[in-house]
């Protein structure tokens, strides 16, 4: 189920994950948006290739994928 969030510049898609509530991707800016569960907020990861976003969507564990492939490799900040 996809839902446009008023405070996000991209469409966020809800996903089935215990740690990630929704993700969105801006291919023009190569920005990946990740909204975490339990009120931990939304983060934007910069300069993320489209292929990596597609791999995230296909990953069995979204949280593990973020920890192993994004954190520490891409600049990010809470939005």
Protein backbone atom coordinates (compact mmCIF):
# COMPACT_ATOMS: atom_id res chain seq x y z
CA UNK A 1 0.00 0.00 0.00
CA UNK A 2 1.47 3.37 -0.98
CA UNK A 3 0.59 6.63 0.71
CA UNK A 4 1.80 10.16 0.04
CA UNK A 5 2.99 11.75 3.24
CA UNK A 6 2.48 15.49 3.63
CA UNK A 7 5.84 15.98 5.36
CA UNK A 8 7.83 13.93 2.84
CA UNK A 9 8.81 15.05 -0.67
CA UNK A 10 8.45 11.50 -2.06
CA UNK A 11 5.77 8.84 -2.03
CA UNK A 12 6.37 6.48 0.88
CA UNK A 13 5.43 2.82 0.47
CA UNK A 14 4.52 0.81 3.55
CA UNK A 15 6.49 -2.42 3.80
CA UNK A 16 6.26 -5.56 5.91
CA UNK A 17 9.17 -5.28 8.35
CA UNK A 18 9.62 -5.26 12.11
CA UNK A 19 12.01 -2.27 11.99
CA UNK A 20 11.06 -0.35 8.82
CA UNK A 21 7.56 1.07 8.42
CA UNK A 22 7.90 2.63 4.95
CA UNK A 23 10.42 3.58 2.27
CA UNK A 24 10.52 6.04 -0.61
CA UNK A 25 13.02 6.90 -3.30
CA UNK A 26 13.68 10.06 -5.31
CA UNK A 27 15.53 8.89 -8.41
CA UNK A 28 16.30 12.44 -9.54
CA UNK A 29 18.16 13.28 -6.32
CA UNK A 30 19.15 9.66 -5.56
CA UNK A 31 17.73 10.00 -2.05
CA UNK A 32 16.33 7.06 -0.11
CA UNK A 33 13.80 7.83 2.62
CA UNK A 34 13.31 5.31 5.42
CA UNK A 35 10.63 5.62 8.11
CA UNK A 36 11.38 3.36 11.03
CA UNK A 37 8.82 1.73 13.29
CA UNK A 38 8.02 2.61 16.89
CA UNK A 39 8.36 6.36 16.38
CA UNK A 40 12.07 6.30 15.61
CA UNK A 41 11.53 8.79 12.80
CA UNK A 42 12.35 9.13 9.14
CA UNK A 43 15.85 9.33 7.70
CA UNK A 44 17.12 10.28 4.28
CA UNK A 45 20.15 8.52 2.79
CA UNK A 46 22.00 10.49 0.09
CA UNK A 47 23.47 9.37 -3.26
CA UNK A 48 21.87 5.93 -3.13
CA UNK A 49 21.80 4.17 -6.54
CA UNK A 50 18.42 3.02 -7.84
CA UNK A 51 19.71 -0.55 -7.90
CA UNK A 52 20.31 -0.45 -4.14
CA UNK A 53 16.75 0.77 -3.52
CA UNK A 54 15.42 -2.11 -5.62
CA UNK A 55 17.59 -4.55 -3.68
CA UNK A 56 16.20 -3.15 -0.42
CA UNK A 57 12.64 -3.76 -1.60
CA UNK A 58 13.52 -7.35 -2.52
CA UNK A 59 15.50 -8.08 0.64
CA UNK A 60 14.12 -10.71 3.00
CA UNK A 61 15.10 -8.54 6.00
CA UNK A 62 14.84 -4.80 5.35
CA UNK A 63 16.48 -3.91 8.67
CA UNK A 64 19.43 -6.22 8.09
CA UNK A 65 19.86 -4.87 4.56
CA UNK A 66 19.94 -1.29 5.86
CA UNK A 67 22.50 -2.18 8.52
CA UNK A 68 24.75 -4.13 6.18
CA UNK A 69 24.49 -2.14 2.94
CA UNK A 70 23.59 1.47 3.83
CA UNK A 71 24.65 2.47 7.33
CA UNK A 72 28.27 3.54 7.31
CA UNK A 73 28.38 3.62 3.51
CA UNK A 74 26.00 6.49 2.75
CA UNK A 75 25.57 9.86 4.40
CA UNK A 76 22.20 10.20 6.13
CA UNK A 77 20.25 12.46 8.45
CA UNK A 78 16.96 12.51 10.31
CA UNK A 79 14.27 14.53 8.57
